[in-house]
Every structure is written in C-alpha cells, then in structure tokens.
Amino acid sequence: MDWQEALALARQQVIEACERCQTGKLAEQITIKFNPRFTSRAGDANYRSLTIRLSQPLWQRMAPAERRETVIHEACHLIAYFHHGSQIAPHGPEWQSMMIRCGLEPKRCHQIERSDLRRQVRRREVYCGCGKREITQHRYTRMKKGHRYMCRVCQEMLTLVSPQETKKNAKSSKSPTPPSSRRFAFFRKRRKN
C-alpha cells in the first residue's frame, strides 16, 4: 500500500469533516500519522498536539468506508475540542453532534478482524524457591537493571540464574557478595529518593 496516497486520502477526509462542522481552518493545523504499533484501536486523536494517529496494520484490512469513518471519527474529536474545550467527554454529546454533522452514526468501536495482529509477549525463565518461573521480557530486563521481584507462591526473591549456577559461582568466587540493603515491595522495587 502506498502510504503517501493513504495520507492524502486521510487529509481530504479531515478537510471534509472540518468543512461540514464549520472549522475549515482547523484542518490545516491537524497532523496525520500512521502508527505501526496500533493493533487494537483503529486510531486516536490528541487535542493538545492536534494529531491524528491511525493504525497502519488495521488500515490495510479496512474497507474504504471503514477508513473514511475512522478518519472522520478522530477528526470529530479534535473538532469537538475546538468548539467546546478539553473538558468534554471523549464520546459525549459534543462529539456525537459532530459525527452527525458529518453524516455518520456516532459509534465508537470498529469490527475489524485483528486476532492475528496481537503481539506475542516474550517470556523469560527466572528462578525462586519453587523452581523455574516465567516472567515477561519487560520484567526480565528490569531485573537485569537491578529491580527485584518476589514469587507470589514461595515469597522468595526471583533470580536470573538457577540455584545450581549460584552454588557454582559461590565456590569459584573468593569473596562473598554483600547482602543488599535495598527494601523491596511485593513484585516491585521501591526507589529511594
């Protein structure tokens, strides 16, 4: 898919929505971007930066009518904020009236098939008194940086190396490592200020 053409099409649809809601000059200020990481939502709008972000993976699966509806949906968020301020509900009556002005039903959820788009969470092995446990890659990386977590079952600290490896390292090491003086919360490290 040619993303420049897709951006041009989205830009035309934003201009159309702004003209229908009598905010033509707002269309010039709105930035449109495609986000390759959006796999659940079709798009979002940020009223502070006047940016519309659209899902690159879902865009390819959408029919032309769904694409138009998504772009106008997000543009109506920005138009509603422009008319009524930032204290309005995201899908409240102000947004709904903008959607109706644009000739669309004010609904908020898409029906695009996305089951095969979900990112697989990588899991890593860690060890505790129970034996092997699996945690997410995110927690594993945090542990490598010094954060500590406790096992919910045995209440022991999770370690990156198995107890057998720890014993081997202890035999080969001449000086024992001093115990840590950090305080730990359940599954989360508390930072000292």
Protein backbone atom coordinates (compact mmCIF):
# COMPACT_ATOMS: atom_id res chain seq x y z
CA MET A 1 0.00 0.00 0.00
CA ASP A 2 1.26 3.47 -0.84
CA TRP A 3 1.25 5.34 2.46
CA GLN A 4 1.58 8.75 0.80
CA GLU A 5 -1.69 8.13 -1.02
CA ALA A 6 -3.28 6.94 2.21
CA LEU A 7 -2.16 10.12 3.99
CA ALA A 8 -3.51 12.27 1.15
CA LEU A 9 -6.85 10.45 1.32
CA ALA A 10 -6.99 10.87 5.11
CA ARG A 11 -6.11 14.57 4.74
CA GLN A 12 -9.04 15.03 2.29
CA GLN A 13 -11.40 13.36 4.74
CA VAL A 14 -10.22 15.60 7.60
CA ILE A 15 -10.79 18.67 5.41
CA GLU A 16 -14.27 17.36 4.55
CA ALA A 17 -15.13 16.86 8.25
CA CYS A 18 -13.83 20.29 9.22
CA GLU A 19 -15.81 21.99 6.45
CA ARG A 20 -19.03 20.22 7.45
CA CYS A 21 -18.54 21.39 11.04
CA GLN A 22 -17.58 24.98 10.04
CA THR A 23 -13.98 24.71 11.25
CA GLY A 24 -12.17 24.85 7.91
CA LYS A 25 -9.01 26.49 9.28
CA LEU A 26 -8.58 23.73 11.86
CA ALA A 27 -7.91 21.20 9.08
CA GLU A 28 -4.66 23.00 8.17
CA GLN A 29 -3.34 22.54 11.73
CA ILE A 30 -4.13 18.82 12.09
CA THR A 31 -1.24 16.39 11.61
CA ILE A 32 -1.97 12.83 10.45
CA LYS A 33 0.39 9.92 11.12
CA PHE A 34 0.31 6.16 10.76
CA ASN A 35 1.38 4.10 13.75
CA PRO A 36 2.64 0.55 13.06
CA ARG A 37 2.17 -0.47 16.72
CA PHE A 38 -1.60 0.11 16.92
CA THR A 39 -3.15 -3.35 16.70
CA SER A 40 -6.25 -2.84 18.86
CA ARG A 41 -7.50 0.63 18.07
CA ALA A 42 -8.06 1.98 14.60
CA GLY A 43 -6.85 5.43 15.59
CA ASP A 44 -6.66 8.14 18.22
CA ALA A 45 -6.67 11.92 18.39
CA ASN A 46 -4.60 14.22 20.59
CA TYR A 47 -6.16 17.65 21.04
CA ARG A 48 -3.02 19.19 22.55
CA SER A 49 -0.83 18.47 19.53
CA LEU A 50 -3.76 18.36 17.04
CA THR A 51 -2.55 14.96 15.83
CA ILE A 52 -4.50 12.03 14.46
CA ARG A 53 -2.71 8.67 14.62
CA LEU A 54 -4.09 5.81 12.53
CA SER A 55 -3.33 2.11 12.79
CA GLN A 56 -1.09 1.05 9.93
CA PRO A 57 -1.87 -2.71 10.31
CA LEU A 58 -5.63 -2.19 10.60
CA TRP A 59 -5.73 0.36 7.77
CA GLN A 60 -4.70 -2.35 5.33
CA ARG A 61 -7.63 -4.53 6.45
CA MET A 62 -10.28 -1.80 6.37
CA ALA A 63 -12.76 -1.26 3.61
CA PRO A 64 -12.79 2.28 2.14
CA ALA A 65 -15.96 3.12 4.11
CA GLU A 66 -14.32 1.99 7.37
CA ARG A 67 -11.24 4.09 6.63
CA ARG A 68 -13.39 7.16 6.00
CA GLU A 69 -15.37 6.55 9.18
CA THR A 70 -12.21 6.14 11.27
CA VAL A 71 -10.59 9.34 9.98
CA ILE A 72 -13.78 11.37 10.43
CA HIS A 73 -14.31 9.81 13.88
CA GLU A 74 -10.89 11.04 15.01
CA ALA A 75 -11.29 14.42 13.30
CA CYS A 76 -14.60 14.90 15.14
CA HIS A 77 -12.75 14.51 18.45
CA LEU A 78 -10.50 17.43 17.54
CA ILE A 79 -13.40 19.49 16.15
CA ALA A 80 -15.43 18.91 19.34
CA TYR A 81 -12.46 20.00 21.47
CA PHE A 82 -12.02 23.05 19.24
CA HIS A 83 -15.67 24.08 19.69
CA HIS A 84 -16.24 23.10 23.33
CA GLY A 85 -12.84 22.89 25.05
CA SER A 86 -10.92 19.99 26.55
CA GLN A 87 -13.30 19.30 29.45
CA ILE A 88 -15.78 17.33 27.34
CA ALA A 89 -16.26 13.56 27.43
CA PRO A 90 -14.41 11.81 24.57
CA HIS A 91 -17.59 10.23 23.13
CA GLY A 92 -20.05 12.60 24.74
CA PRO A 93 -22.87 14.61 23.15
CA GLU A 94 -20.49 17.22 21.68
CA TRP A 95 -18.55 14.58 19.75
CA GLN A 96 -21.77 12.82 18.77
CA SER A 97 -23.21 16.02 17.30
CA MET A 98 -20.04 16.48 15.20
CA MET A 99 -20.34 12.92 13.88
CA ILE A 100 -23.98 13.53 12.94
CA ARG A 101 -22.99 16.76 11.14
CA CYS A 102 -20.52 14.71 9.12
CA GLY A 103 -23.27 12.27 8.19
CA LEU A 104 -22.05 9.34 10.27
CA GLU A 105 -23.57 7.33 13.08
CA PRO A 106 -21.80 8.24 16.35
CA LYS A 107 -20.43 4.82 17.25
CA ARG A 108 -17.08 4.20 18.85
CA CYS A 109 -15.90 0.64 18.14
CA HIS A 110 -14.63 -0.97 14.97
CA GLN A 111 -15.33 -4.54 13.87
CA ILE A 112 -12.05 -5.22 12.06
CA GLU A 113 -10.57 -8.72 12.43
CA ARG A 114 -7.32 -8.37 14.37
CA SER A 115 -6.76 -11.71 16.10
CA ASP A 116 -3.51 -12.47 14.24
CA LEU A 117 -2.13 -8.96 14.84
CA ARG A 118 -1.66 -9.20 18.59
CA ARG A 119 1.95 -9.02 19.64
CA GLN A 120 3.29 -12.12 21.31
CA VAL A 121 4.70 -11.34 24.73
CA ARG A 122 8.13 -12.88 25.03
CA ARG A 123 8.63 -14.74 28.29
CA ARG A 124 11.91 -15.49 30.06
CA GLU A 125 12.84 -18.01 32.74
CA VAL A 126 13.76 -16.94 36.27
CA TYR A 127 14.23 -18.95 39.44
CA CYS A 128 12.92 -18.96 43.01
CA GLY A 129 12.32 -21.45 45.84
CA CYS A 130 9.57 -23.12 43.76
CA GLY A 131 11.91 -23.73 40.84
CA LYS A 132 11.52 -22.21 37.39
CA ARG A 133 9.09 -19.37 36.74
CA GLU A 134 8.33 -17.38 33.61
CA ILE A 135 8.10 -13.60 33.53
CA THR A 136 7.67 -11.11 30.71
CA GLN A 137 10.66 -9.78 28.81
CA HIS A 138 9.91 -6.34 30.27
CA ARG A 139 10.28 -7.59 33.86
CA TYR A 140 13.34 -9.63 32.92
CA THR A 141 15.03 -6.51 31.53
CA ARG A 142 14.12 -4.57 34.67
CA MET A 143 15.64 -7.34 36.81
CA LYS A 144 18.88 -7.09 34.81
CA LYS A 145 18.94 -3.38 35.66
CA GLY A 146 18.62 -4.09 39.39
CA HIS A 147 14.90 -4.27 40.09
CA ARG A 148 13.81 -7.20 42.22
CA TYR A 149 10.61 -9.23 42.28
CA MET A 150 9.21 -11.81 44.70
CA CYS A 151 7.49 -15.08 43.86
CA ARG A 152 3.83 -14.94 44.82
CA VAL A 153 3.86 -18.59 45.89
CA CYS A 154 7.02 -19.07 47.98
CA GLN A 155 7.68 -15.37 48.78
CA GLU A 156 11.37 -15.70 47.78
CA MET A 157 13.21 -13.26 45.55
CA LEU A 158 13.30 -14.16 41.87
CA THR A 159 16.79 -14.61 40.43
CA LEU A 160 18.09 -14.61 36.88
CA VAL A 161 20.33 -17.63 37.45
CA SER A 162 19.39 -21.05 38.75
CA PRO A 163 20.38 -22.08 42.29
CA GLN A 164 22.85 -24.62 40.83
CA GLU A 165 24.65 -21.89 38.90
CA THR A 166 24.66 -19.71 42.02
CA LYS A 167 26.36 -22.50 44.00
CA LYS A 168 28.98 -22.99 41.27
CA ASN A 169 29.70 -19.26 41.23
CA ALA A 170 29.90 -19.14 45.03
CA LYS A 171 32.52 -21.93 45.08
CA SER A 172 34.67 -20.21 42.47
CA SER A 173 34.30 -16.76 44.00
CA LYS A 174 36.87 -15.83 46.68
CA SER A 175 34.82 -13.16 48.45
CA PRO A 176 31.10 -13.44 49.07
CA THR A 177 28.90 -10.67 47.76
CA PRO A 178 27.49 -8.43 50.50
CA PRO A 179 23.74 -8.61 51.10
CA SER A 180 21.73 -5.86 49.51
CA SER A 181 20.46 -3.10 51.76
CA ARG A 182 17.56 -2.23 49.47
CA ARG A 183 13.96 -2.51 50.59
CA PHE A 184 11.59 -4.41 48.32
CA ALA A 185 7.88 -4.20 47.72
CA PHE A 186 5.80 -7.11 46.56
CA PHE A 187 6.75 -7.53 42.87
CA ARG A 188 8.13 -4.02 42.63
CA LYS A 189 11.22 -2.20 43.69
CA ARG A 190 10.74 1.00 45.61
CA ARG A 191 13.13 3.71 44.69
CA LYS A 192 14.88 5.70 47.38
CA ASN A 193 14.63 9.46 46.98
